[in-house]
PDB file of N, CA and C in Angstrom:
ATOM      1  N   MET A   1      -9.998  12.827 -16.365  1.00  0.00           N
ATOM      2  CA  MET A   1      -9.878  14.382 -16.057  1.00  0.00           C
ATOM      3  C   MET A   1      -9.049  13.996 -14.616  1.00  0.00           C
ATOM      4  N   PRO A   2      -7.980  15.414 -14.628  1.00  0.00           N
ATOM      5  CA  PRO A   2      -7.259  14.689 -13.407  1.00  0.00           C
ATOM      6  C   PRO A   2      -7.710  14.659 -11.910  1.00  0.00           C
ATOM      7  N   ARG A   3      -7.088  14.118 -11.107  1.00  0.00           N
ATOM      8  CA  ARG A   3      -7.186  14.110 -10.371  1.00  0.00           C
ATOM      9  C   ARG A   3      -6.595  15.402  -9.329  1.00  0.00           C
ATOM     10  N   HIS A   4      -5.598  15.671  -9.397  1.00  0.00           N
ATOM     11  CA  HIS A   4      -4.657  16.541  -8.308  1.00  0.00           C
ATOM     12  C   HIS A   4      -4.492  17.920  -9.649  1.00  0.00           C
ATOM     13  N   PHE A   5      -5.699  18.895  -9.369  1.00  0.00           N
ATOM     14  CA  PHE A   5      -5.707  20.192 -10.151  1.00  0.00           C
ATOM     15  C   PHE A   5      -4.023  21.101  -9.632  1.00  0.00           C
ATOM     16  N   MET A   6      -4.149  20.712  -8.104  1.00  0.00           N
ATOM     17  CA  MET A   6      -3.079  21.579  -7.494  1.00  0.00           C
ATOM     18  C   MET A   6      -1.447  21.460  -8.012  1.00  0.00           C
ATOM     19  N   THR A   7      -1.494  19.920  -8.361  1.00  0.00           N
ATOM     20  CA  THR A   7      -0.226  19.727  -8.188  1.00  0.00           C
ATOM     21  C   THR A   7       0.015  20.355  -9.677  1.00  0.00           C
ATOM     22  N   ILE A   8      -0.468  19.572 -10.568  1.00  0.00           N
ATOM     23  CA  ILE A   8      -0.866  19.996 -12.272  1.00  0.00           C
ATOM     24  C   ILE A   8      -0.376  21.616 -12.577  1.00  0.00           C
ATOM     25  N   ASP A   9      -1.024  22.719 -11.573  1.00  0.00           N
ATOM     26  CA  ASP A   9      -0.996  23.822 -12.343  1.00  0.00           C
ATOM     27  C   ASP A   9       0.429  24.370 -10.697  1.00  0.00           C
ATOM     28  N   ALA A  10       0.456  23.713  -9.858  1.00  0.00           N
ATOM     29  CA  ALA A  10       1.858  24.359  -9.400  1.00  0.00           C
ATOM     30  C   ALA A  10       3.093  23.520 -10.331  1.00  0.00           C
ATOM     31  N   ALA A  11       2.850  22.794 -11.065  1.00  0.00           N
ATOM     32  CA  ALA A  11       3.803  22.231 -11.717  1.00  0.00           C
ATOM     33  C   ALA A  11       3.938  23.455 -12.967  1.00  0.00           C
ATOM     34  N   ARG A  12       3.129  23.742 -13.732  1.00  0.00           N
ATOM     35  CA  ARG A  12       2.739  24.114 -14.928  1.00  0.00           C
ATOM     36  C   ARG A  12       3.553  25.786 -14.682  1.00  0.00           C
ATOM     37  N   LYS A  13       3.615  26.352 -13.063  1.00  0.00           N
ATOM     38  CA  LYS A  13       4.020  27.881 -13.645  1.00  0.00           C
ATOM     39  C   LYS A  13       5.305  27.742 -13.755  1.00  0.00           C
ATOM     40  N   ASN A  14       6.328  26.780 -13.059  1.00  0.00           N
ATOM     41  CA  ASN A  14       7.676  27.019 -14.172  1.00  0.00           C
ATOM     42  C   ASN A  14       8.012  26.554 -15.654  1.00  0.00           C
ATOM     43  N   LEU A  15       7.034  26.159 -16.526  1.00  0.00           N
ATOM     44  CA  LEU A  15       7.250  25.432 -17.802  1.00  0.00           C
ATOM     45  C   LEU A  15       7.119  26.492 -19.000  1.00  0.00           C
ATOM     46  N   THR A  16       7.442  26.311 -20.121  1.00  0.00           N
ATOM     47  CA  THR A  16       7.459  27.220 -21.044  1.00  0.00           C
ATOM     48  C   THR A  16       6.128  26.847 -22.086  1.00  0.00           C
ATOM     49  N   ALA A  17       6.132  27.632 -22.638  1.00  0.00           N
ATOM     50  CA  ALA A  17       4.856  27.728 -23.845  1.00  0.00           C
ATOM     51  C   ALA A  17       4.659  26.306 -24.411  1.00  0.00           C
ATOM     52  N   ILE A  18       5.423  25.942 -24.718  1.00  0.00           N
ATOM     53  CA  ILE A  18       5.968  24.435 -25.338  1.00  0.00           C
ATOM     54  C   ILE A  18       5.347  23.422 -24.555  1.00  0.00           C
ATOM     55  N   GLU A  19       6.567  23.555 -23.436  1.00  0.00           N
ATOM     56  CA  GLU A  19       6.350  22.114 -22.275  1.00  0.00           C
ATOM     57  C   GLU A  19       4.597  22.148 -21.719  1.00  0.00           C
ATOM     58  N   ASN A  20       3.953  23.366 -21.828  1.00  0.00           N
ATOM     59  CA  ASN A  20       2.749  23.685 -21.212  1.00  0.00           C
ATOM     60  C   ASN A  20       1.687  22.949 -22.218  1.00  0.00           C
ATOM     61  N   SER A  21       2.287  23.001 -23.686  1.00  0.00           N
ATOM     62  CA  SER A  21       1.506  22.599 -24.522  1.00  0.00           C
ATOM     63  C   SER A  21       1.042  21.253 -24.605  1.00  0.00           C
ATOM     64  N   ALA A  22       2.149  20.500 -23.997  1.00  0.00           N
ATOM     65  CA  ALA A  22       2.414  19.199 -23.767  1.00  0.00           C
ATOM     66  C   ALA A  22       1.916  18.257 -23.249  1.00  0.00           C
ATOM     67  N   VAL A  23       1.595  19.240 -22.173  1.00  0.00           N
ATOM     68  CA  VAL A  23       0.686  18.756 -20.412  1.00  0.00           C
ATOM     69  C   VAL A  23      -0.635  19.277 -21.031  1.00  0.00           C
ATOM     70  N   ASP A  24      -1.146  20.223 -21.990  1.00  0.00           N
ATOM     71  CA  ASP A  24      -2.798  20.071 -22.279  1.00  0.00           C
ATOM     72  C   ASP A  24      -2.872  19.243 -23.087  1.00  0.00           C
ATOM     73  N   ASP A  25      -1.904  18.353 -24.057  1.00  0.00           N
ATOM     74  CA  ASP A  25      -2.234  17.699 -25.024  1.00  0.00           C
ATOM     75  C   ASP A  25      -2.476  16.017 -24.289  1.00  0.00           C
ATOM     76  N   LEU A  26      -1.847  16.161 -23.079  1.00  0.00           N
ATOM     77  CA  LEU A  26      -1.692  14.776 -22.216  1.00  0.00           C
ATOM     78  C   LEU A  26      -3.406  14.957 -21.631  1.00  0.00           C
ATOM     79  N   LEU A  27      -3.385  16.370 -21.102  1.00  0.00           N
ATOM     80  CA  LEU A  27      -4.591  16.273 -20.391  1.00  0.00           C
ATOM     81  C   LEU A  27      -6.289  15.895 -21.264  1.00  0.00           C
ATOM     82  N   ALA A  28      -6.083  16.431 -22.360  1.00  0.00           N
ATOM     83  CA  ALA A  28      -7.043  16.238 -23.007  1.00  0.00           C
ATOM     84  C   ALA A  28      -6.995  14.890 -24.377  1.00  0.00           C
ATOM     85  N   GLY A  29      -6.128  13.978 -23.646  1.00  0.00           N
ATOM     86  CA  GLY A  29      -6.093  12.676 -24.904  1.00  0.00           C
ATOM     87  C   GLY A  29      -5.645  12.801 -25.916  1.00  0.00           C
ATOM     88  N   ARG A  30      -4.894  13.630 -26.094  1.00  0.00           N
ATOM     89  CA  ARG A  30      -4.166  13.837 -27.820  1.00  0.00           C
ATOM     90  C   ARG A  30      -3.041  12.902 -27.468  1.00  0.00           C
ATOM     91  N   LEU A  31      -2.199  13.405 -26.367  1.00  0.00           N
ATOM     92  CA  LEU A  31      -1.147  11.797 -26.079  1.00  0.00           C
ATOM     93  C   LEU A  31      -1.196  11.242 -25.224  1.00  0.00           C
ATOM     94  N   ASP A  32      -0.816   9.869 -25.326  1.00  0.00           N
ATOM     95  CA  ASP A  32      -0.685   8.861 -24.142  1.00  0.00           C
ATOM     96  C   ASP A  32       0.157   9.041 -23.389  1.00  0.00           C
ATOM     97  N   ARG A  33       0.766   8.347 -22.264  1.00  0.00           N
ATOM     98  CA  ARG A  33       1.488   8.172 -21.216  1.00  0.00           C
ATOM     99  C   ARG A  33       2.897   8.274 -21.630  1.00  0.00           C
ATOM    100  N   ARG A  34       3.024   7.591 -22.913  1.00  0.00           N
ATOM    101  CA  ARG A  34       4.270   7.217 -23.369  1.00  0.00           C
ATOM    102  C   ARG A  34       4.763   8.098 -24.655  1.00  0.00           C
ATOM    103  N   ASP A  35       4.257   8.755 -25.355  1.00  0.00           N
ATOM    104  CA  ASP A  35       4.057   9.600 -25.764  1.00  0.00           C
ATOM    105  C   ASP A  35       4.280  11.364 -25.463  1.00  0.00           C
ATOM    106  N   PHE A  36       3.500  11.528 -24.052  1.00  0.00           N
ATOM    107  CA  PHE A  36       4.157  12.298 -23.079  1.00  0.00           C
ATOM    108  C   PHE A  36       5.597  11.726 -22.900  1.00  0.00           C
ATOM    109  N   LEU A  37       5.807  11.076 -21.940  1.00  0.00           N
ATOM    110  CA  LEU A  37       7.048  11.035 -21.915  1.00  0.00           C
ATOM    111  C   LEU A  37       8.233  11.023 -22.632  1.00  0.00           C
ATOM    112  N   ARG A  38       7.837  10.942 -24.216  1.00  0.00           N
ATOM    113  CA  ARG A  38       9.249  10.893 -24.441  1.00  0.00           C
ATOM    114  C   ARG A  38       8.738  12.409 -25.255  1.00  0.00           C
ATOM    115  N   HIS A  39       8.115  13.286 -25.625  1.00  0.00           N
ATOM    116  CA  HIS A  39       8.093  14.506 -25.993  1.00  0.00           C
ATOM    117  C   HIS A  39       8.580  15.614 -24.604  1.00  0.00           C
ATOM    118  N   GLY A  40       8.556  14.718 -23.634  1.00  0.00           N
ATOM    119  CA  GLY A  40       8.774  15.804 -22.218  1.00  0.00           C
ATOM    120  C   GLY A  40      10.163  15.827 -22.104  1.00  0.00           C
ATOM    121  N   SER A  41      10.770  14.337 -22.146  1.00  0.00           N
ATOM    122  CA  SER A  41      12.585  14.328 -22.450  1.00  0.00           C
ATOM    123  C   SER A  41      13.164  15.010 -23.799  1.00  0.00           C
ATOM    124  N   VAL A  42      12.403  15.039 -24.836  1.00  0.00           N
ATOM    125  CA  VAL A  42      13.054  15.658 -25.810  1.00  0.00           C
ATOM    126  C   VAL A  42      12.902  17.160 -25.949  1.00  0.00           C
ATOM    127  N   LEU A  43      12.200  17.630 -24.789  1.00  0.00           N
ATOM    128  CA  LEU A  43      12.188  18.747 -23.759  1.00  0.00           C
ATOM    129  C   LEU A  43      13.216  19.183 -23.075  1.00  0.00           C
ATOM    130  N   GLY A  44      13.753  18.412 -22.295  1.00  0.00           N
ATOM    131  CA  GLY A  44      14.530  18.452 -21.502  1.00  0.00           C
ATOM    132  C   GLY A  44      13.821  18.418 -19.952  1.00  0.00           C
ATOM    133  N   LEU A  45      12.754  17.946 -19.664  1.00  0.00           N
ATOM    134  CA  LEU A  45      12.141  17.668 -18.187  1.00  0.00           C
ATOM    135  C   LEU A  45      12.685  16.340 -18.060  1.00  0.00           C
ATOM    136  N   SER A  46      12.842  16.103 -16.521  1.00  0.00           N
ATOM    137  CA  SER A  46      13.731  15.275 -15.544  1.00  0.00           C
ATOM    138  C   SER A  46      12.191  14.574 -15.976  1.00  0.00           C
ATOM    139  N   LEU A  47      12.780  12.904 -15.819  1.00  0.00           N
ATOM    140  CA  LEU A  47      11.881  11.959 -15.987  1.00  0.00           C
ATOM    141  C   LEU A  47      11.046  12.522 -14.649  1.00  0.00           C
ATOM    142  N   PRO A  48      11.571  11.975 -13.029  1.00  0.00           N
ATOM    143  CA  PRO A  48      11.025  12.202 -12.173  1.00  0.00           C
ATOM    144  C   PRO A  48       9.565  13.575 -12.358  1.00  0.00           C
ATOM    145  N   PHE A  49       9.727  14.781 -12.992  1.00  0.00           N
ATOM    146  CA  PHE A  49       8.861  15.174 -12.909  1.00  0.00           C
ATOM    147  C   PHE A  49       8.226  14.859 -14.163  1.00  0.00           C
ATOM    148  N   LEU A  50       8.222  14.730 -14.840  1.00  0.00           N
ATOM    149  CA  LEU A  50       7.406  14.015 -16.125  1.00  0.00           C
ATOM    150  C   LEU A  50       6.560  13.028 -15.066  1.00  0.00           C
ATOM    151  N   GLY A  51       7.036  11.872 -14.452  1.00  0.00           N
ATOM    152  CA  GLY A  51       6.187  10.826 -14.154  1.00  0.00           C
ATOM    153  C   GLY A  51       4.996  11.571 -12.898  1.00  0.00           C
ATOM    154  N   SER A  52       5.490  12.867 -12.056  1.00  0.00           N
ATOM    155  CA  SER A  52       4.639  13.573 -11.181  1.00  0.00           C
ATOM    156  C   SER A  52       3.375  13.609 -11.807  1.00  0.00           C
ATOM    157  N   LEU A  53       4.184  14.392 -13.200  1.00  0.00           N
ATOM    158  CA  LEU A  53       2.678  15.218 -14.002  1.00  0.00           C
ATOM    159  C   LEU A  53       1.681  14.084 -14.136  1.00  0.00           C
ATOM    160  N   VAL A  54       1.883  12.677 -14.894  1.00  0.00           N
ATOM    161  CA  VAL A  54       1.552  11.530 -15.359  1.00  0.00           C
ATOM    162  C   VAL A  54       0.396  11.216 -14.305  1.00  0.00           C
ATOM    163  N   ALA A  55       1.212  11.126 -12.947  1.00  0.00           N
ATOM    164  CA  ALA A  55       0.377  10.469 -11.683  1.00  0.00           C
ATOM    165  C   ALA A  55      -0.882  11.255 -11.258  1.00  0.00           C
ATOM    166  N   ALA A  56      -0.077  12.367 -11.569  1.00  0.00           N
ATOM    167  CA  ALA A  56      -1.498  13.719 -11.161  1.00  0.00           C
ATOM    168  C   ALA A  56      -2.491  13.440 -12.035  1.00  0.00           C
ATOM    169  N   ALA A  57      -2.240  13.492 -13.001  1.00  0.00           N
ATOM    170  CA  ALA A  57      -3.218  13.166 -14.394  1.00  0.00           C
ATOM    171  C   ALA A  57      -3.912  12.075 -13.821  1.00  0.00           C
ATOM    172  N   GLY A  58      -3.673  11.052 -13.259  1.00  0.00           N
ATOM    173  CA  GLY A  58      -4.444   9.699 -12.845  1.00  0.00           C
ATOM    174  C   GLY A  58      -4.268   9.126 -14.337  1.00  0.00           C
ATOM    175  N   LEU A  59      -2.485   9.122 -14.844  1.00  0.00           N
ATOM    176  CA  LEU A  59      -2.397   7.896 -16.006  1.00  0.00           C
ATOM    177  C   LEU A  59      -1.057   6.860 -15.803  1.00  0.00           C
ATOM    178  N   GLY A  60      -0.410   7.210 -14.229  1.00  0.00           N
ATOM    179  CA  GLY A  60       0.009   6.099 -13.858  1.00  0.00           C
ATOM    180  C   GLY A  60      -0.092   5.106 -14.074  1.00  0.00           C
ATOM    181  N   THR A  61       0.880   4.163 -13.846  1.00  0.00           N
ATOM    182  CA  THR A  61       0.762   2.532 -14.141  1.00  0.00           C
ATOM    183  C   THR A  61       0.448   1.516 -12.872  1.00  0.00           C
ATOM    184  N   GLN A  62      -0.472   0.703 -13.292  1.00  0.00           N
ATOM    185  CA  GLN A  62      -1.296   0.326 -12.159  1.00  0.00           C
ATOM    186  C   GLN A  62       0.486  -0.525 -11.417  1.00  0.00           C
ATOM    187  N   LYS A  63      -0.259  -0.725 -10.268  1.00  0.00           N
ATOM    188  CA  LYS A  63       0.808  -1.794  -9.124  1.00  0.00           C
ATOM    189  C   LYS A  63       0.589  -3.147  -9.245  1.00  0.00           C
ATOM    190  N   ALA A  64       1.470  -3.962  -9.658  1.00  0.00           N
ATOM    191  CA  ALA A  64       1.343  -5.465 -10.259  1.00  0.00           C
ATOM    192  C   ALA A  64       0.989  -6.189  -8.897  1.00  0.00           C
ATOM    193  N   ARG A  65       0.109  -7.026  -9.188  1.00  0.00           N
ATOM    194  CA  ARG A  65      -0.495  -7.689  -7.866  1.00  0.00           C
ATOM    195  C   ARG A  65      -0.594  -9.315  -7.710  1.00  0.00           C
ATOM    196  N   ALA A  66       0.813 -10.104  -7.254  1.00  0.00           N
ATOM    197  CA  ALA A  66       0.388 -11.460  -7.509  1.00  0.00           C
ATOM    198  C   ALA A  66       0.474 -12.125  -6.365  1.00  0.00           C
ATOM    199  N   GLU A  67      -0.025 -12.781  -6.913  1.00  0.00           N
ATOM    200  CA  GLU A  67      -0.739 -13.905  -5.665  1.00  0.00           C
ATOM    201  C   GLU A  67       0.072 -15.446  -5.504  1.00  0.00           C
ATOM    202  N   GLY A  68       0.363 -16.045  -4.410  1.00  0.00           N
ATOM    203  CA  GLY A  68       1.013 -17.172  -4.533  1.00  0.00           C
ATOM    204  C   GLY A  68      -0.089 -18.096  -3.637  1.00  0.00           C
ATOM    205  N   LYS A  69       0.674 -19.170  -4.288  1.00  0.00           N
ATOM    206  CA  LYS A  69      -0.562 -20.690  -3.864  1.00  0.00           C
ATOM    207  C   LYS A  69       0.229 -21.162  -2.879  1.00  0.00           C
ATOM    208  N   PRO A  70      -0.957 -21.629  -1.804  1.00  0.00           N
ATOM    209  CA  PRO A  70      -0.235 -22.489  -0.834  1.00  0.00           C
ATOM    210  C   PRO A  70       0.486 -24.033  -1.571  1.00  0.00           C
ATOM    211  N   GLY A  71       1.589 -24.154  -1.412  1.00  0.00           N
ATOM    212  CA  GLY A  71       2.299 -25.576  -2.101  1.00  0.00           C
ATOM    213  C   GLY A  71       2.678 -25.163  -2.870  1.00  0.00           C
ATOM    214  N   GLY A  72       2.921 -24.300  -3.553  1.00  0.00           N
ATOM    215  CA  GLY A  72       3.632 -23.839  -5.050  1.00  0.00           C
ATOM    216  C   GLY A  72       5.123 -24.495  -5.096  1.00  0.00           C
ATOM    217  N   THR A  73       5.361 -23.971  -6.145  1.00  0.00           N
ATOM    218  CA  THR A  73       6.853 -23.756  -6.607  1.00  0.00           C
ATOM    219  C   THR A  73       7.638 -22.362  -6.806  1.00  0.00           C
ATOM    220  N   VAL A  74       8.606 -21.962  -6.440  1.00  0.00           N
ATOM    221  CA  VAL A  74       9.540 -20.814  -6.931  1.00  0.00           C
ATOM    222  C   VAL A  74      10.147 -20.890  -7.569  1.00  0.00           C
ATOM    223  N   ARG A  75      10.223 -20.756  -8.748  1.00  0.00           N
ATOM    224  CA  ARG A  75      11.762 -20.763  -9.701  1.00  0.00           C
ATOM    225  C   ARG A  75      12.448 -19.495  -9.565  1.00  0.00           C
ATOM    226  N   ALA A  76      13.587 -19.698  -9.768  1.00  0.00           N
ATOM    227  CA  ALA A  76      14.602 -18.676 -10.280  1.00  0.00           C
ATOM    228  C   ALA A  76      15.607 -18.997 -10.875  1.00  0.00           C
ATOM    229  N   GLY A  77      15.923 -18.272 -12.253  1.00  0.00           N
ATOM    230  CA  GLY A  77      16.810 -18.109 -12.540  1.00  0.00           C
ATOM    231  C   GLY A  77      18.409 -17.954 -12.212  1.00  0.00           C
ATOM    232  N   VAL A  78      19.528 -18.736 -11.919  1.00  0.00           N
ATOM    233  CA  VAL A  78      20.996 -18.035 -11.506  1.00  0.00           C
ATOM    234  C   VAL A  78      21.727 -18.582 -12.947  1.00  0.00           C
ATOM    235  N   ALA A  79      22.436 -18.102 -12.902  1.00  0.00           N
ATOM    236  CA  ALA A  79      23.426 -17.648 -14.088  1.00  0.00           C
ATOM    237  C   ALA A  79      24.858 -18.663 -13.080  1.00  0.00           C
ATOM    238  N   THR A  80      25.381 -19.328 -13.601  1.00  0.00           N
ATOM    239  CA  THR A  80      26.557 -20.299 -12.968  1.00  0.00           C
ATOM    240  C   THR A  80      27.462 -20.629 -14.346  1.00  0.00           C
ATOM    241  N   PRO A  81      28.647 -19.881 -13.310  1.00  0.00           N
ATOM    242  CA  PRO A  81      29.952 -19.924 -14.298  1.00  0.00           C
ATOM    243  C   PRO A  81      30.493 -21.496 -14.942  1.00  0.00           C
ATOM    244  N   GLY A  82      30.436 -21.514 -16.552  1.00  0.00           N
ATOM    245  CA  GLY A  82      31.198 -22.864 -16.876  1.00  0.00           C
ATOM    246  C   GLY A  82      32.125 -23.455 -16.986  1.00  0.00           C
ATOM    247  N   GLY A  83      32.997 -22.438 -16.147  1.00  0.00           N
ATOM    248  CA  GLY A  83      34.501 -22.968 -15.829  1.00  0.00           C
ATOM    249  C   GLY A  83      34.970 -22.331 -14.356  1.00  0.00           C
ATOM    250  N   ALA A  84      36.072 -22.819 -14.450  1.00  0.00           N
ATOM    251  CA  ALA A  84      36.900 -22.678 -13.197  1.00  0.00           C
ATOM    252  C   ALA A  84      36.040 -20.735 -13.293  1.00  0.00           C
ATOM    253  N   ILE A  85      36.758 -20.439 -11.611  1.00  0.00           N
ATOM    254  CA  ILE A  85      36.909 -19.066 -11.612  1.00  0.00           C
ATOM    255  C   ILE A  85      38.380 -18.960 -10.688  1.00  0.00           C
ATOM    256  N   ASP A  86      39.164 -17.807 -10.907  1.00  0.00           N
ATOM    257  CA  ASP A  86      40.512 -17.451 -10.406  1.00  0.00           C
ATOM    258  C   ASP A  86      40.409 -16.526  -9.503  1.00  0.00           C
TER     259      ASP A  86
END
């Protein structure tokens, strides 16, 4: 179930019937996050707007957590030119 009903309801006031249908499908679980973003972009909705609806529905991406180890090695890929630069 969505976590922020007020956010979703406020956003739905300005949507057309087709756009609201896509939101209904997302909330009912018939569309996953990826399909909802694809359908919304085809309908002409902005990506930040779609992202806020997905986040309000509780389907946002998880934040990555990386933990370093004491004494570990950091490796970075750096592109260097193969010849002289003018």
